[in-house]
Amino acid sequence: MRGRCGIARGGRAQHDFPRQDRGHGEPIIPATLKAKQMLGEGASHDEVLDAAVRENIRRVANHLSLSELLTERQKAGKLKIVGARYDLDDGRVEFFHEA
C-alpha cells in the first residue's frame, strides 16, 4: 500500500500532531488507534497504515449495515454491504466479509 491513502495518513498525523483541518480525517482516528494497539509499538508506519485502512473499511461497512435506511433493503435481499479495498499500486480489489 505504501502510504497512498491520504485520509489514513492524515488520521495518523492528526493523532500524532494537531492540525487545523482535524474534522476531515477524524473518522479514521479510532481505526488508527486500534491498528496501533493490535500491532504494538514495533510496527512500521506502513504496517499501521495498512491495518488502519482495513479496520476503517470494517467499521464503515458495519456502520452502513446498521443504518435504518439500508436495513429494510438488506433484509429483503436487495442490498448487500461488502467492504473492499482498491490497491492503487497494482489495481487489485480485496473484498472483505459481508458486514
N, C-alpha and C. Protein backbone atom coordinates (compact mmCIF):
# COMPACT_ATOMS: atom_id res chain seq x y z
N MET A 1 0.81 -1.18 0.00
CA MET A 1 0.00 0.00 0.00
C MET A 1 0.86 1.25 0.00
N ARG A 2 1.93 1.25 0.66
CA ARG A 2 2.93 2.30 0.62
C ARG A 2 2.42 3.70 0.95
N GLY A 3 1.51 3.82 1.88
CA GLY A 3 1.11 5.12 2.37
C GLY A 3 0.37 5.99 1.38
N ARG A 4 -0.44 5.41 0.51
CA ARG A 4 -1.09 6.19 -0.53
C ARG A 4 -2.47 6.68 -0.13
N CYS A 5 -3.00 6.27 1.00
CA CYS A 5 -4.32 6.72 1.42
C CYS A 5 -4.17 8.02 2.19
N GLY A 6 -4.58 9.12 1.60
CA GLY A 6 -4.42 10.44 2.22
C GLY A 6 -5.18 10.57 3.52
N ILE A 7 -6.38 10.04 3.59
CA ILE A 7 -7.16 10.14 4.82
C ILE A 7 -6.49 9.33 5.92
N ALA A 8 -6.01 8.14 5.61
CA ALA A 8 -5.36 7.32 6.63
C ALA A 8 -4.07 7.99 7.12
N ARG A 9 -3.29 8.52 6.17
CA ARG A 9 -2.08 9.24 6.57
C ARG A 9 -2.45 10.42 7.45
N GLY A 10 -3.50 11.13 7.06
CA GLY A 10 -3.96 12.28 7.83
C GLY A 10 -4.45 11.87 9.20
N GLY A 11 -5.15 10.73 9.28
CA GLY A 11 -5.64 10.25 10.57
C GLY A 11 -4.50 9.95 11.51
N ARG A 12 -3.45 9.35 10.98
CA ARG A 12 -2.30 9.07 11.82
C ARG A 12 -1.62 10.37 12.22
N ALA A 13 -1.47 11.28 11.28
CA ALA A 13 -0.83 12.56 11.58
C ALA A 13 -1.66 13.35 12.58
N GLN A 14 -2.98 13.29 12.45
CA GLN A 14 -3.82 14.03 13.38
C GLN A 14 -3.67 13.50 14.78
N HIS A 15 -3.51 12.20 14.89
CA HIS A 15 -3.34 11.64 16.23
C HIS A 15 -2.00 12.06 16.82
N ASP A 16 -0.99 12.13 15.98
CA ASP A 16 0.34 12.46 16.46
C ASP A 16 0.55 13.97 16.63
N PHE A 17 0.00 14.75 15.71
CA PHE A 17 0.20 16.20 15.72
C PHE A 17 -1.12 16.91 15.44
N PRO A 18 -1.49 17.89 16.24
CA PRO A 18 -2.73 18.63 15.95
C PRO A 18 -2.63 19.36 14.62
N ARG A 19 -3.72 19.38 13.87
CA ARG A 19 -3.77 20.10 12.60
C ARG A 19 -5.03 20.94 12.57
N GLN A 20 -5.06 21.93 11.72
CA GLN A 20 -6.23 22.80 11.65
C GLN A 20 -7.41 22.14 10.97
N ASP A 21 -7.18 21.20 10.06
CA ASP A 21 -8.29 20.56 9.35
C ASP A 21 -8.66 19.22 9.98
N ARG A 22 -8.64 19.15 11.28
CA ARG A 22 -8.90 17.91 12.01
C ARG A 22 -10.18 17.21 11.63
N GLY A 23 -11.25 17.93 11.44
CA GLY A 23 -12.55 17.31 11.23
C GLY A 23 -12.62 16.37 10.05
N HIS A 24 -11.86 16.61 9.02
CA HIS A 24 -11.95 15.81 7.80
C HIS A 24 -11.52 14.36 8.02
N GLY A 25 -10.47 14.14 8.76
CA GLY A 25 -9.96 12.78 8.92
C GLY A 25 -10.31 12.13 10.23
N GLU A 26 -11.07 12.80 11.08
CA GLU A 26 -11.37 12.24 12.40
C GLU A 26 -11.98 10.85 12.38
N PRO A 27 -12.84 10.51 11.41
CA PRO A 27 -13.43 9.18 11.45
C PRO A 27 -12.42 8.03 11.41
N ILE A 28 -11.23 8.25 10.88
CA ILE A 28 -10.26 7.16 10.80
C ILE A 28 -9.41 7.05 12.07
N ILE A 29 -9.47 8.04 12.93
CA ILE A 29 -8.64 8.01 14.14
C ILE A 29 -8.90 6.77 14.98
N PRO A 30 -10.17 6.37 15.25
CA PRO A 30 -10.38 5.14 16.03
C PRO A 30 -9.77 3.91 15.36
N ALA A 31 -9.84 3.84 14.03
CA ALA A 31 -9.25 2.71 13.31
C ALA A 31 -7.74 2.73 13.43
N THR A 32 -7.15 3.91 13.40
CA THR A 32 -5.70 4.04 13.53
C THR A 32 -5.25 3.63 14.92
N LEU A 33 -5.98 4.07 15.92
CA LEU A 33 -5.63 3.71 17.30
C LEU A 33 -5.74 2.20 17.52
N LYS A 34 -6.80 1.59 16.96
CA LYS A 34 -6.96 0.14 17.09
C LYS A 34 -5.83 -0.59 16.38
N ALA A 35 -5.44 -0.11 15.20
CA ALA A 35 -4.35 -0.73 14.45
C ALA A 35 -3.06 -0.66 15.25
N LYS A 36 -2.77 0.49 15.83
CA LYS A 36 -1.55 0.64 16.64
C LYS A 36 -1.58 -0.31 17.83
N GLN A 37 -2.75 -0.43 18.46
CA GLN A 37 -2.88 -1.31 19.62
C GLN A 37 -2.69 -2.78 19.22
N MET A 38 -3.29 -3.18 18.11
CA MET A 38 -3.19 -4.56 17.65
C MET A 38 -1.77 -4.93 17.26
N LEU A 39 -1.07 -4.02 16.59
CA LEU A 39 0.25 -4.32 16.07
C LEU A 39 1.37 -4.11 17.08
N GLY A 40 1.15 -3.25 18.05
CA GLY A 40 2.19 -2.99 19.05
C GLY A 40 3.15 -1.91 18.60
N GLU A 41 4.02 -1.54 19.51
CA GLU A 41 4.92 -0.41 19.28
C GLU A 41 5.98 -0.65 18.21
N GLY A 42 6.30 -1.87 17.91
CA GLY A 42 7.35 -2.16 16.93
C GLY A 42 6.89 -2.10 15.49
N ALA A 43 5.61 -1.82 15.26
CA ALA A 43 5.08 -1.83 13.90
C ALA A 43 5.59 -0.63 13.10
N SER A 44 5.82 -0.87 11.82
CA SER A 44 6.26 0.21 10.94
C SER A 44 5.08 1.10 10.56
N HIS A 45 5.40 2.25 10.00
CA HIS A 45 4.36 3.17 9.54
C HIS A 45 3.46 2.49 8.51
N ASP A 46 4.05 1.78 7.55
CA ASP A 46 3.26 1.12 6.51
C ASP A 46 2.36 0.03 7.08
N GLU A 47 2.84 -0.70 8.08
CA GLU A 47 2.02 -1.73 8.72
C GLU A 47 0.83 -1.11 9.43
N VAL A 48 1.06 -0.03 10.16
CA VAL A 48 -0.03 0.65 10.86
C VAL A 48 -1.02 1.23 9.85
N LEU A 49 -0.50 1.83 8.80
CA LEU A 49 -1.36 2.41 7.77
C LEU A 49 -2.25 1.35 7.14
N ASP A 50 -1.68 0.23 6.76
CA ASP A 50 -2.45 -0.85 6.14
C ASP A 50 -3.51 -1.38 7.09
N ALA A 51 -3.13 -1.63 8.35
CA ALA A 51 -4.08 -2.14 9.34
C ALA A 51 -5.18 -1.12 9.63
N ALA A 52 -4.84 0.16 9.66
CA ALA A 52 -5.84 1.21 9.91
C ALA A 52 -6.84 1.28 8.76
N VAL A 53 -6.37 1.18 7.54
CA VAL A 53 -7.27 1.21 6.38
C VAL A 53 -8.22 0.02 6.44
N ARG A 54 -7.69 -1.16 6.72
CA ARG A 54 -8.53 -2.37 6.80
C ARG A 54 -9.57 -2.25 7.92
N GLU A 55 -9.13 -1.76 9.07
CA GLU A 55 -10.06 -1.58 10.19
C GLU A 55 -11.12 -0.55 9.85
N ASN A 56 -10.73 0.51 9.18
CA ASN A 56 -11.70 1.54 8.80
C ASN A 56 -12.74 0.97 7.83
N ILE A 57 -12.31 0.14 6.92
CA ILE A 57 -13.25 -0.50 5.98
C ILE A 57 -14.26 -1.33 6.76
N ARG A 58 -13.77 -2.11 7.72
CA ARG A 58 -14.68 -2.93 8.54
C ARG A 58 -15.67 -2.05 9.31
N ARG A 59 -15.16 -0.96 9.89
CA ARG A 59 -16.01 -0.05 10.67
C ARG A 59 -17.08 0.60 9.80
N VAL A 60 -16.71 1.06 8.62
CA VAL A 60 -17.66 1.73 7.74
C VAL A 60 -18.72 0.73 7.25
N ALA A 61 -18.29 -0.45 6.84
CA ALA A 61 -19.25 -1.46 6.38
C ALA A 61 -20.21 -1.85 7.49
N ASN A 62 -19.69 -2.00 8.70
CA ASN A 62 -20.55 -2.32 9.84
C ASN A 62 -21.54 -1.18 10.12
N HIS A 63 -21.05 0.05 10.08
CA HIS A 63 -21.90 1.22 10.30
C HIS A 63 -23.03 1.26 9.26
N LEU A 64 -22.69 1.03 8.00
CA LEU A 64 -23.70 1.03 6.95
C LEU A 64 -24.71 -0.09 7.14
N SER A 65 -24.24 -1.25 7.58
CA SER A 65 -25.15 -2.39 7.74
C SER A 65 -26.14 -2.17 8.87
N LEU A 66 -25.84 -1.25 9.78
CA LEU A 66 -26.75 -0.95 10.89
C LEU A 66 -27.66 0.24 10.60
N SER A 67 -27.50 0.85 9.46
CA SER A 67 -28.28 2.02 9.10
C SER A 67 -29.75 1.66 8.90
N GLU A 68 -30.63 2.41 9.53
CA GLU A 68 -32.07 2.17 9.38
C GLU A 68 -32.50 2.32 7.92
N LEU A 69 -31.87 3.22 7.21
CA LEU A 69 -32.23 3.43 5.81
C LEU A 69 -31.91 2.23 4.93
N LEU A 70 -30.91 1.45 5.33
CA LEU A 70 -30.47 0.34 4.50
C LEU A 70 -30.93 -1.03 5.00
N THR A 71 -31.34 -1.11 6.26
CA THR A 71 -31.70 -2.39 6.86
C THR A 71 -32.83 -3.09 6.12
N GLU A 72 -33.86 -2.34 5.74
CA GLU A 72 -35.01 -2.92 5.05
C GLU A 72 -34.59 -3.57 3.74
N ARG A 73 -33.77 -2.89 2.99
CA ARG A 73 -33.30 -3.43 1.71
C ARG A 73 -32.41 -4.65 1.91
N GLN A 74 -31.61 -4.63 2.98
CA GLN A 74 -30.76 -5.79 3.26
C GLN A 74 -31.62 -7.01 3.59
N LYS A 75 -32.62 -6.81 4.44
CA LYS A 75 -33.49 -7.93 4.84
C LYS A 75 -34.26 -8.50 3.65
N ALA A 76 -34.61 -7.64 2.70
CA ALA A 76 -35.34 -8.07 1.51
C ALA A 76 -34.42 -8.72 0.47
N GLY A 77 -33.12 -8.73 0.74
CA GLY A 77 -32.18 -9.32 -0.21
C GLY A 77 -31.88 -8.43 -1.41
N LYS A 78 -32.22 -7.15 -1.31
CA LYS A 78 -31.99 -6.23 -2.42
C LYS A 78 -30.68 -5.47 -2.29
N LEU A 79 -30.04 -5.60 -1.15
CA LEU A 79 -28.80 -4.88 -0.91
C LEU A 79 -27.86 -5.74 -0.08
N LYS A 80 -26.61 -5.75 -0.47
CA LYS A 80 -25.57 -6.45 0.29
C LYS A 80 -24.43 -5.47 0.50
N ILE A 81 -24.02 -5.32 1.74
CA ILE A 81 -22.94 -4.40 2.06
C ILE A 81 -21.66 -5.21 2.26
N VAL A 82 -20.67 -4.90 1.46
CA VAL A 82 -19.39 -5.61 1.50
C VAL A 82 -18.27 -4.57 1.46
N GLY A 83 -17.36 -4.66 2.40
CA GLY A 83 -16.22 -3.75 2.38
C GLY A 83 -15.20 -4.20 1.35
N ALA A 84 -14.50 -3.25 0.76
CA ALA A 84 -13.49 -3.58 -0.24
C ALA A 84 -12.38 -2.54 -0.19
N ARG A 85 -11.20 -2.96 -0.62
CA ARG A 85 -10.03 -2.08 -0.66
C ARG A 85 -9.41 -2.17 -2.04
N TYR A 86 -9.28 -1.04 -2.70
CA TYR A 86 -8.66 -0.96 -4.02
C TYR A 86 -7.20 -0.55 -3.83
N ASP A 87 -6.29 -1.32 -4.38
CA ASP A 87 -4.87 -1.03 -4.26
C ASP A 87 -4.42 -0.20 -5.46
N LEU A 88 -4.02 1.03 -5.19
CA LEU A 88 -3.59 1.93 -6.26
C LEU A 88 -2.32 1.46 -6.95
N ASP A 89 -1.51 0.68 -6.26
CA ASP A 89 -0.24 0.23 -6.83
C ASP A 89 -0.40 -0.87 -7.87
N ASP A 90 -1.32 -1.81 -7.62
CA ASP A 90 -1.43 -2.93 -8.55
C ASP A 90 -2.83 -3.12 -9.14
N GLY A 91 -3.79 -2.27 -8.75
CA GLY A 91 -5.12 -2.33 -9.31
C GLY A 91 -6.01 -3.45 -8.79
N ARG A 92 -5.52 -4.20 -7.82
CA ARG A 92 -6.33 -5.29 -7.27
C ARG A 92 -7.36 -4.76 -6.28
N VAL A 93 -8.49 -5.47 -6.21
CA VAL A 93 -9.53 -5.15 -5.23
C VAL A 93 -9.62 -6.32 -4.26
N GLU A 94 -9.52 -6.02 -2.99
CA GLU A 94 -9.64 -7.04 -1.94
C GLU A 94 -10.99 -6.84 -1.27
N PHE A 95 -11.84 -7.86 -1.34
CA PHE A 95 -13.16 -7.79 -0.72
C PHE A 95 -13.09 -8.39 0.68
N PHE A 96 -13.76 -7.75 1.61
CA PHE A 96 -13.82 -8.22 2.98
C PHE A 96 -15.15 -8.95 3.17
N HIS A 97 -15.26 -9.67 4.26
CA HIS A 97 -16.50 -10.41 4.52
C HIS A 97 -17.66 -9.42 4.60
N GLU A 98 -18.85 -9.94 4.40
CA GLU A 98 -20.03 -9.09 4.47
C GLU A 98 -20.18 -8.52 5.87
N ALA A 99 -20.72 -7.32 5.93
CA ALA A 99 -20.91 -6.65 7.23
C ALA A 99 -22.07 -7.28 7.97
